[in-house]
Amino acid sequence: MKNTMLSFCTYVQWVPGSDVVVAQNRGNLCVWYTIDSPERVTMFSLKGDIVDLERSNGKTEVIVTEGVNSVSYTLDEGLIEFGTAIDDGDYYRATAFLETLEMSAETEAMWKTLSKLSLEAQQLHIAERCFAALGDVSKARFLNETNKIADAVSKEYGGDGTDHYQVKARLAMLDKNFKLAEMYYMEQNAVDEVMEMYQELHMWDECIAVAEAKGHPELDNLRHSYYSYLMETNQNEKAGEVKENEGDFTGAVNLYLKAGLPAKAAWLAMSRDELLSSHDIISRITAALIKGEFYERAGDLFERTRNNQRALECYRKGNAFKKAVDLARVAFPAEVVKLEEVWGDYLVQQKQMDAAINHYIEAGRSTKAIEAAIAARQWKKALHILEQQEDKTAAKYYLKIAQHYASVQENILRSQFKAHSAVI
């Protein structure tokens, strides 16, 4: 990826032996002591132009010409040395440099860079110091506990202790790679430690999955604790899913309704015959659906319980006319014609004139069909419907259609005349 760091740049140069960048933007001297954080830039006002960059005897100077005079600007050598130490991989020296500096935007960026690099290099004591300097108490405390484990392992078995499975797992947790942390624990068959990790993170589904896979004796207690946690935190939907997975479908429906999810309760009810046979459950679900204006879903549920009249009413309220017509053809044949007309009226309101035409024809409302065809500019279809009519009142539409074709013919003649004139 490319990003513009500085516009109107007339000079740019690396400071030799470091990752510090010096640049000029019109009347400003810009210095990036940490190039990994391009937004952290130190700026000075200039009256001239940068001509050179000199580094010698532990001192770095930017040479600027101001008319006939030359002026030098001295850069912060401590900050430059930090970059050099980072390039050399000497993170202890980089830490020592930073500890001599007061906290500023530049030094904060450097602490962040050092924290990232020291974690990647598994120099955990330095990483802990970085997070403490940044005020990230939780990470500093977590690394402090991790360092205690690594130090104890190092003291007992030698090495630096970072290869121990607990240390590797905790570092994976710090990186939010919990599956990798689980893998490290499971390689050592540390099932209880995996479960403890997931419980601390409130990742109960993963915790229970591990317990189920290993046949852990505390599985039932875990499930009970998880359900209690969900109820205490008002996570009714998730609690409902737990009940559904356990086969307690009535309890799941109650929780879905409590969570304000009647549609989810309806889907569950329609998939279970024992729920469909319960008049109380169906009444509560449909009442919640109608209150929430989920009319189509309420219609589906009423139809499944053979309450066709209520189903038809809900389909009409929810503008689910296809389902309404399909149901009416079976249960209420006399209503089909009325529904087709209402369907056509609804489509006209939605400016879907083309779709409304056939529904008006099915309803026997020819006048509305002609008007819809004319509004949709379906002139041939309008003329065809009109020719089938015996009612003289429809004859007035001939004039509109004739006017359309007359205007089309006039435009054709006009375009032919223009073409002929151009040739002449």
Protein backbone atom coordinates (compact mmCIF):
# COMPACT_ATOMS: atom_id res chain seq x y z
CA MET A 1 0.00 0.00 0.00
CA LYS A 2 1.14 3.53 -0.76
CA ASN A 3 0.34 6.48 1.50
CA THR A 4 1.18 10.14 1.03
CA MET A 5 3.16 11.27 4.07
CA LEU A 6 3.94 14.81 2.96
CA SER A 7 2.71 17.08 0.18
CA PHE A 8 4.79 19.79 -1.57
CA CYS A 9 7.96 17.99 -0.49
CA THR A 10 11.19 19.62 -1.76
CA TYR A 11 13.73 17.55 0.22
CA VAL A 12 13.72 14.09 1.81
CA GLN A 13 16.55 11.96 3.22
CA TRP A 14 17.19 9.11 5.63
CA VAL A 15 19.43 9.88 8.59
CA PRO A 16 22.47 7.59 8.00
CA GLY A 17 22.43 4.39 10.06
CA SER A 18 18.88 4.80 11.35
CA ASP A 19 15.21 4.65 10.32
CA VAL A 20 14.70 8.39 10.89
CA VAL A 21 13.45 10.45 7.92
CA VAL A 22 13.99 14.20 7.42
CA ALA A 23 11.94 16.15 4.86
CA GLN A 24 10.96 19.72 3.99
CA ASN A 25 7.48 20.94 3.17
CA ARG A 26 7.60 24.58 2.05
CA GLY A 27 8.41 26.40 5.32
CA ASN A 28 8.53 23.32 7.59
CA LEU A 29 11.24 20.89 8.63
CA CYS A 30 9.54 17.51 9.22
CA VAL A 31 11.20 14.69 11.15
CA TRP A 32 9.87 11.14 11.54
CA TYR A 33 11.77 9.53 14.38
CA THR A 34 9.63 6.37 13.99
CA ILE A 35 8.76 5.74 10.38
CA ASP A 36 6.37 2.92 11.40
CA SER A 37 4.06 5.65 12.75
CA PRO A 38 3.88 8.16 9.88
CA GLU A 39 1.24 10.19 11.70
CA ARG A 40 3.78 10.98 14.45
CA VAL A 41 5.84 13.77 12.92
CA THR A 42 7.95 16.49 14.59
CA MET A 43 7.83 19.83 12.75
CA PHE A 44 9.93 23.03 12.91
CA SER A 45 9.42 26.29 11.03
CA LEU A 46 12.09 27.16 8.44
CA LYS A 47 12.90 30.37 6.58
CA GLY A 48 15.19 28.75 4.01
CA ASP A 49 15.83 25.43 2.24
CA ILE A 50 17.49 22.24 3.46
CA VAL A 51 20.69 21.57 1.55
CA ASP A 52 22.39 18.78 3.49
CA LEU A 53 22.24 16.33 6.38
CA GLU A 54 25.37 15.66 8.44
CA ARG A 55 25.98 13.04 11.14
CA SER A 56 29.26 12.87 13.00
CA ASN A 57 30.64 12.61 16.53
CA GLY A 58 27.28 11.48 17.92
CA LYS A 59 25.53 14.52 16.52
CA THR A 60 23.06 14.89 13.65
CA GLU A 61 22.50 18.29 12.02
CA VAL A 62 20.25 19.52 9.23
CA ILE A 63 21.95 22.28 7.20
CA VAL A 64 19.61 25.03 6.00
CA THR A 65 20.45 28.05 3.79
CA GLU A 66 18.74 31.29 4.76
CA GLY A 67 19.73 33.77 2.10
CA VAL A 68 23.53 34.06 2.22
CA ASN A 69 23.79 32.37 5.64
CA SER A 70 23.74 28.69 6.61
CA VAL A 71 21.94 27.57 9.76
CA SER A 72 22.04 24.11 11.36
CA TYR A 73 19.22 22.38 13.22
CA THR A 74 20.29 19.65 15.65
CA LEU A 75 18.09 16.56 15.84
CA ASP A 76 17.37 14.61 19.02
CA GLU A 77 20.18 12.06 19.10
CA GLY A 78 18.45 9.95 21.71
CA LEU A 79 15.50 9.40 19.42
CA ILE A 80 17.80 8.63 16.52
CA GLU A 81 19.76 6.15 18.63
CA PHE A 82 16.50 4.40 19.41
CA GLY A 83 16.00 3.73 15.71
CA THR A 84 19.55 2.49 15.39
CA ALA A 85 19.09 0.13 18.33
CA ILE A 86 15.87 -1.20 16.78
CA ASP A 87 17.63 -1.83 13.48
CA ASP A 88 20.38 -3.69 15.37
CA GLY A 89 17.80 -5.76 17.28
CA ASP A 90 19.17 -4.47 20.59
CA TYR A 91 15.87 -3.95 22.41
CA TYR A 92 17.50 -3.51 25.83
CA ARG A 93 19.45 -0.52 24.50
CA ALA A 94 16.28 0.84 22.89
CA THR A 95 14.49 0.55 26.24
CA ALA A 96 17.33 2.33 28.01
CA PHE A 97 17.11 5.23 25.53
CA LEU A 98 13.34 5.56 25.91
CA GLU A 99 13.52 5.56 29.70
CA THR A 100 15.62 8.74 29.56
CA LEU A 101 12.94 10.58 27.56
CA GLU A 102 9.78 12.28 28.73
CA MET A 103 6.50 10.94 27.36
CA SER A 104 5.43 12.71 24.17
CA ALA A 105 3.70 11.79 20.93
CA GLU A 106 7.02 10.64 19.46
CA THR A 107 8.12 8.58 22.45
CA GLU A 108 4.66 6.98 22.77
CA ALA A 109 4.93 5.83 19.15
CA MET A 110 8.35 4.40 19.93
CA TRP A 111 7.12 2.51 22.99
CA LYS A 112 4.37 1.00 20.79
CA THR A 113 6.91 -0.01 18.14
CA LEU A 114 9.17 -1.55 20.76
CA SER A 115 6.26 -3.42 22.40
CA LYS A 116 5.33 -4.99 19.06
CA LEU A 117 8.90 -5.97 18.15
CA SER A 118 9.76 -7.32 21.60
CA LEU A 119 6.64 -9.51 21.61
CA GLU A 120 7.56 -10.88 18.18
CA ALA A 121 11.07 -11.59 19.48
CA GLN A 122 9.58 -13.09 22.70
CA GLN A 123 11.56 -10.70 24.89
CA LEU A 124 8.71 -10.62 27.33
CA HIS A 125 10.26 -8.54 30.12
CA ILE A 126 10.85 -5.70 27.66
CA ALA A 127 7.31 -6.06 26.32
CA GLU A 128 5.96 -5.84 29.88
CA ARG A 129 7.97 -2.64 30.44
CA CYS A 130 6.61 -1.16 27.19
CA PHE A 131 2.97 -1.76 28.10
CA ALA A 132 3.58 -0.34 31.57
CA ALA A 133 5.03 2.82 29.99
CA LEU A 134 2.02 3.07 27.68
CA GLY A 135 -0.38 2.74 30.61
CA ASP A 136 -1.86 -0.52 29.29
CA VAL A 137 -2.30 -2.05 32.74
CA SER A 138 -4.14 -5.19 31.66
CA LYS A 139 -1.47 -6.29 29.17
CA ALA A 140 1.34 -5.35 31.54
CA ARG A 141 -0.24 -7.43 34.31
CA PHE A 142 -0.89 -10.36 31.94
CA LEU A 143 2.73 -10.31 30.78
CA ASN A 144 3.93 -10.02 34.36
CA GLU A 145 2.12 -13.26 35.22
CA THR A 146 3.45 -14.85 32.01
CA ASN A 147 7.01 -13.79 32.90
CA LYS A 148 6.66 -15.37 36.34
CA ILE A 149 5.76 -18.68 34.68
CA ALA A 150 8.65 -18.37 32.19
CA ASP A 151 11.12 -17.46 34.96
CA ALA A 152 10.03 -20.42 37.11
CA VAL A 153 10.42 -22.80 34.15
CA SER A 154 13.79 -21.27 33.28
CA LYS A 155 15.00 -21.67 36.86
CA GLU A 156 13.93 -25.31 37.02
CA TYR A 157 14.75 -26.55 33.52
CA GLY A 158 17.08 -23.92 32.04
CA GLY A 159 16.59 -21.83 28.92
CA ASP A 160 14.46 -18.70 28.83
CA GLY A 161 11.18 -20.52 29.54
CA THR A 162 9.37 -19.17 26.46
CA ASP A 163 9.08 -22.66 24.94
CA HIS A 164 6.89 -23.88 27.79
CA TYR A 165 3.34 -24.69 26.66
CA GLN A 166 1.74 -22.33 29.21
CA VAL A 167 3.88 -19.41 28.04
CA LYS A 168 3.14 -20.13 24.36
CA ALA A 169 -0.57 -20.48 25.10
CA ARG A 170 -0.69 -17.18 27.00
CA LEU A 171 1.12 -15.38 24.17
CA ALA A 172 -1.42 -16.81 21.72
CA MET A 173 -4.18 -15.50 24.02
CA LEU A 174 -2.53 -12.07 24.02
CA ASP A 175 -2.68 -12.19 20.21
CA LYS A 176 -6.37 -13.19 20.47
CA ASN A 177 -5.59 -16.49 18.75
CA PHE A 178 -7.55 -18.62 21.21
CA LYS A 179 -7.68 -21.72 19.01
CA LEU A 180 -3.88 -21.75 18.90
CA ALA A 181 -3.79 -21.39 22.68
CA GLU A 182 -6.22 -24.30 22.94
CA MET A 183 -3.95 -26.38 20.72
CA TYR A 184 -0.94 -25.74 22.98
CA TYR A 185 -2.92 -26.80 26.05
CA MET A 186 -4.47 -29.85 24.39
CA GLU A 187 -1.06 -31.09 23.21
CA GLN A 188 -0.24 -31.45 26.91
CA ASN A 189 -3.74 -32.81 27.68
CA ALA A 190 -4.31 -29.78 29.93
CA VAL A 191 -8.10 -29.89 29.51
CA ASP A 192 -8.85 -28.06 32.75
CA GLU A 193 -6.57 -25.20 31.75
CA VAL A 194 -8.32 -24.86 28.38
CA MET A 195 -11.71 -24.78 30.08
CA GLU A 196 -10.49 -22.24 32.62
CA MET A 197 -9.19 -20.02 29.81
CA TYR A 198 -12.51 -20.08 27.98
CA GLN A 199 -14.48 -19.46 31.18
CA GLU A 200 -12.37 -16.40 32.02
CA LEU A 201 -13.06 -15.08 28.53
CA HIS A 202 -16.79 -15.94 28.83
CA MET A 203 -16.43 -18.13 25.73
CA TRP A 204 -18.82 -20.72 27.12
CA ASP A 205 -19.67 -22.42 23.84
CA GLU A 206 -16.01 -23.28 23.23
CA CYS A 207 -15.59 -24.37 26.85
CA ILE A 208 -18.56 -26.73 26.67
CA ALA A 209 -17.39 -28.06 23.28
CA VAL A 210 -14.03 -29.03 24.82
CA ALA A 211 -15.76 -30.63 27.81
CA GLU A 212 -18.05 -32.64 25.52
CA ALA A 213 -15.14 -33.77 23.34
CA LYS A 214 -13.20 -34.99 26.37
CA GLY A 215 -16.18 -36.36 28.33
CA HIS A 216 -15.39 -34.07 31.25
CA PRO A 217 -17.23 -34.97 34.50
CA GLU A 218 -18.17 -31.29 35.08
CA LEU A 219 -20.06 -31.01 31.76
CA ASP A 220 -23.54 -30.78 33.33
CA ASN A 221 -22.37 -28.22 35.87
CA LEU A 222 -20.81 -26.18 33.09
CA ARG A 223 -24.05 -26.13 31.16
CA HIS A 224 -25.95 -25.06 34.24
CA SER A 225 -23.40 -22.31 34.97
CA TYR A 226 -23.57 -21.10 31.36
CA TYR A 227 -27.36 -20.93 31.46
CA SER A 228 -27.27 -19.06 34.77
CA TYR A 229 -24.75 -16.61 33.32
CA LEU A 230 -26.94 -15.98 30.28
CA MET A 231 -30.01 -15.36 32.42
CA GLU A 232 -28.13 -13.03 34.77
CA THR A 233 -26.87 -10.98 31.81
CA ASN A 234 -30.29 -10.97 30.06
CA GLN A 235 -29.01 -12.85 27.01
CA ASN A 236 -32.39 -14.44 26.43
CA GLU A 237 -31.81 -15.31 22.77
CA LYS A 238 -28.61 -17.19 23.54
CA ALA A 239 -30.29 -18.89 26.50
CA GLY A 240 -33.11 -19.93 24.16
CA GLU A 241 -30.58 -21.49 21.78
CA VAL A 242 -29.10 -23.43 24.70
CA LYS A 243 -32.56 -24.73 25.64
CA GLU A 244 -33.25 -25.61 21.99
CA ASN A 245 -29.99 -27.59 21.73
CA GLU A 246 -30.91 -29.42 24.95
CA GLY A 247 -34.30 -30.38 23.48
CA ASP A 248 -36.35 -28.11 25.77
CA PHE A 249 -38.33 -26.53 22.92
CA THR A 250 -41.05 -25.00 25.09
CA GLY A 251 -38.43 -23.28 27.23
CA ALA A 252 -36.68 -22.07 24.07
CA VAL A 253 -39.90 -20.56 22.73
CA ASN A 254 -40.53 -18.77 26.02
CA LEU A 255 -37.03 -17.28 25.99
CA TYR A 256 -37.27 -16.21 22.33
CA LEU A 257 -40.52 -14.42 23.09
CA LYS A 258 -38.94 -12.82 26.15
CA ALA A 259 -36.08 -11.64 23.93
CA GLY A 260 -38.56 -10.01 21.53
CA LEU A 261 -37.90 -12.53 18.76
CA PRO A 262 -41.35 -13.91 17.85
CA ALA A 263 -40.24 -14.79 14.29
CA LYS A 264 -37.52 -17.08 15.68
CA ALA A 265 -40.06 -18.63 18.04
CA ALA A 266 -42.41 -19.17 15.07
CA TRP A 267 -39.72 -20.93 13.02
CA LEU A 268 -39.06 -23.29 15.93
CA ALA A 269 -42.76 -23.91 16.50
CA MET A 270 -43.34 -24.77 12.82
CA SER A 271 -40.53 -27.33 12.95
CA ARG A 272 -41.90 -29.19 15.99
CA ASP A 273 -45.25 -31.00 15.95
CA GLU A 274 -45.50 -30.99 19.74
CA LEU A 275 -45.37 -27.18 19.73
CA LEU A 276 -47.92 -26.87 16.91
CA SER A 277 -50.35 -28.95 18.94
CA SER A 278 -50.13 -26.58 21.93
CA HIS A 279 -52.87 -23.98 21.64
CA ASP A 280 -51.34 -21.81 24.38
CA ILE A 281 -47.89 -21.64 22.73
CA ILE A 282 -49.30 -20.89 19.28
CA SER A 283 -51.59 -18.19 20.69
CA ARG A 284 -48.71 -16.45 22.46
CA ILE A 285 -46.44 -16.62 19.41
CA THR A 286 -49.07 -15.34 16.97
CA ALA A 287 -50.06 -12.54 19.35
CA ALA A 288 -46.41 -11.45 19.55
CA LEU A 289 -46.04 -11.67 15.76
CA ILE A 290 -49.13 -9.54 15.13
CA LYS A 291 -48.04 -7.01 17.75
CA GLY A 292 -44.67 -6.76 15.99
CA GLU A 293 -46.45 -6.53 12.61
CA PHE A 294 -44.91 -9.78 11.36
CA TYR A 295 -48.17 -10.55 9.60
CA GLU A 296 -46.82 -12.91 6.94
CA ARG A 297 -45.05 -15.08 9.52
CA ALA A 298 -48.21 -15.09 11.67
CA GLY A 299 -50.16 -16.19 8.58
CA ASP A 300 -47.72 -19.06 8.03
CA LEU A 301 -48.21 -20.23 11.60
CA PHE A 302 -52.00 -19.93 11.41
CA GLU A 303 -52.00 -21.90 8.15
CA ARG A 304 -49.88 -24.66 9.69
CA THR A 305 -52.41 -24.97 12.52
CA ARG A 306 -55.29 -24.99 9.97
CA ASN A 307 -56.73 -21.69 11.16
CA ASN A 308 -57.25 -20.62 7.56
CA GLN A 309 -59.47 -17.60 8.26
CA ARG A 310 -56.90 -15.96 10.53
CA ALA A 311 -54.12 -16.95 8.13
CA LEU A 312 -55.90 -15.20 5.25
CA GLU A 313 -56.41 -12.06 7.32
CA CYS A 314 -52.73 -11.93 8.26
CA TYR A 315 -51.58 -12.50 4.69
CA ARG A 316 -53.74 -9.60 3.53
CA LYS A 317 -52.45 -7.31 6.29
CA GLY A 318 -48.89 -8.26 5.45
CA ASN A 319 -49.46 -7.75 1.70
CA ALA A 320 -48.44 -11.38 1.13
CA PHE A 321 -50.97 -11.70 -1.68
CA LYS A 322 -49.46 -14.74 -3.39
CA LYS A 323 -49.83 -16.79 -0.22
CA ALA A 324 -53.29 -15.31 0.32
CA VAL A 325 -54.45 -16.27 -3.19
CA ASP A 326 -52.93 -19.77 -2.95
CA LEU A 327 -54.72 -20.34 0.36
CA ALA A 328 -57.99 -18.88 -0.95
CA ARG A 329 -58.01 -21.19 -4.00
CA VAL A 330 -58.11 -24.13 -1.59
CA ALA A 331 -60.12 -22.83 1.37
CA PHE A 332 -62.10 -19.77 0.16
CA PRO A 333 -62.62 -19.93 -3.64
CA ALA A 334 -65.10 -17.05 -3.56
CA GLU A 335 -62.43 -14.72 -2.19
CA VAL A 336 -59.95 -15.27 -5.02
CA VAL A 337 -61.44 -12.62 -7.34
CA LYS A 338 -61.51 -9.99 -4.57
CA LEU A 339 -57.94 -10.79 -3.59
CA GLU A 340 -56.73 -10.46 -7.19
CA GLU A 341 -58.22 -6.95 -7.38
CA VAL A 342 -56.72 -5.93 -4.02
CA TRP A 343 -53.39 -7.34 -5.17
CA GLY A 344 -53.60 -5.24 -8.32
CA ASP A 345 -54.43 -2.12 -6.28
CA TYR A 346 -51.42 -2.76 -4.06
CA LEU A 347 -49.10 -3.11 -7.05
CA VAL A 348 -50.42 0.15 -8.52
CA GLN A 349 -49.63 1.88 -5.20
CA GLN A 350 -46.11 0.47 -5.48
CA LYS A 351 -45.87 1.88 -9.06
CA GLN A 352 -45.65 -1.67 -10.47
CA MET A 353 -48.17 -1.07 -13.25
CA ASP A 354 -46.98 -3.91 -15.50
CA ALA A 355 -47.46 -6.48 -12.73
CA ALA A 356 -50.91 -5.14 -11.83
CA ILE A 357 -52.42 -5.66 -15.31
CA ASN A 358 -52.80 -9.46 -15.16
CA HIS A 359 -54.21 -9.36 -11.63
CA TYR A 360 -56.92 -6.94 -12.75
CA ILE A 361 -57.68 -9.23 -15.69
CA GLU A 362 -57.96 -12.21 -13.29
CA ALA A 363 -60.30 -10.13 -11.14
CA GLY A 364 -62.43 -9.21 -14.18
CA ARG A 365 -61.74 -5.50 -13.67
CA SER A 366 -61.05 -4.58 -17.30
CA THR A 367 -61.22 -0.83 -16.79
CA LYS A 368 -58.50 -0.95 -14.15
CA ALA A 369 -56.47 -3.29 -16.36
CA ILE A 370 -56.68 -0.82 -19.28
CA GLU A 371 -55.70 2.11 -17.05
CA ALA A 372 -52.74 0.15 -15.66
CA ALA A 373 -51.62 -0.82 -19.19
CA ILE A 374 -51.84 2.81 -20.37
CA ALA A 375 -49.95 4.00 -17.27
CA ALA A 376 -47.29 1.36 -17.99
CA ARG A 377 -47.24 2.50 -21.66
CA GLN A 378 -48.20 -1.00 -22.74
CA TRP A 379 -50.26 0.35 -25.63
CA LYS A 380 -50.70 -2.89 -27.56
CA LYS A 381 -51.84 -4.72 -24.43
CA ALA A 382 -54.24 -1.88 -23.57
CA LEU A 383 -55.71 -2.01 -27.11
CA HIS A 384 -56.05 -5.78 -26.94
CA ILE A 385 -57.95 -5.61 -23.64
CA LEU A 386 -60.08 -2.77 -24.97
CA GLU A 387 -61.10 -4.74 -28.06
CA GLN A 388 -62.46 -7.50 -25.85
CA GLN A 389 -64.90 -5.12 -24.12
CA GLU A 390 -68.55 -4.81 -24.95
CA ASP A 391 -69.10 -2.02 -22.46
CA LYS A 392 -69.28 1.32 -24.34
CA THR A 393 -67.95 3.22 -21.31
CA ALA A 394 -64.51 1.88 -22.08
CA ALA A 395 -64.55 3.51 -25.52
CA LYS A 396 -63.09 6.73 -24.08
CA TYR A 397 -59.71 5.01 -23.82
CA TYR A 398 -59.55 4.71 -27.62
CA LEU A 399 -58.88 8.43 -27.76
CA LYS A 400 -55.82 8.18 -25.44
CA ILE A 401 -54.40 5.29 -27.43
CA ALA A 402 -55.08 7.08 -30.73
CA GLN A 403 -53.38 10.23 -29.45
CA HIS A 404 -50.32 8.17 -28.53
CA TYR A 405 -50.03 6.58 -31.99
CA ALA A 406 -50.67 9.95 -33.66
CA SER A 407 -47.82 11.53 -31.71
CA VAL A 408 -45.55 8.58 -32.60
CA GLN A 409 -46.41 8.97 -36.31
CA GLU A 410 -45.86 12.74 -36.12
CA ASN A 411 -42.42 12.21 -34.58
CA ILE A 412 -41.51 9.71 -37.29
CA LEU A 413 -42.54 12.17 -40.05
CA ARG A 414 -40.65 14.98 -38.33
CA SER A 415 -37.46 12.93 -38.09
CA GLN A 416 -37.79 11.90 -41.77
CA PHE A 417 -38.23 15.55 -42.77
CA LYS A 418 -35.11 16.56 -40.81
CA ALA A 419 -33.10 13.80 -42.44
CA HIS A 420 -34.34 14.83 -45.90
CA SER A 421 -33.49 18.49 -45.22
CA ALA A 422 -30.00 17.56 -44.11
CA VAL A 423 -29.41 15.69 -47.38
CA ILE A 424 -30.62 18.67 -49.47
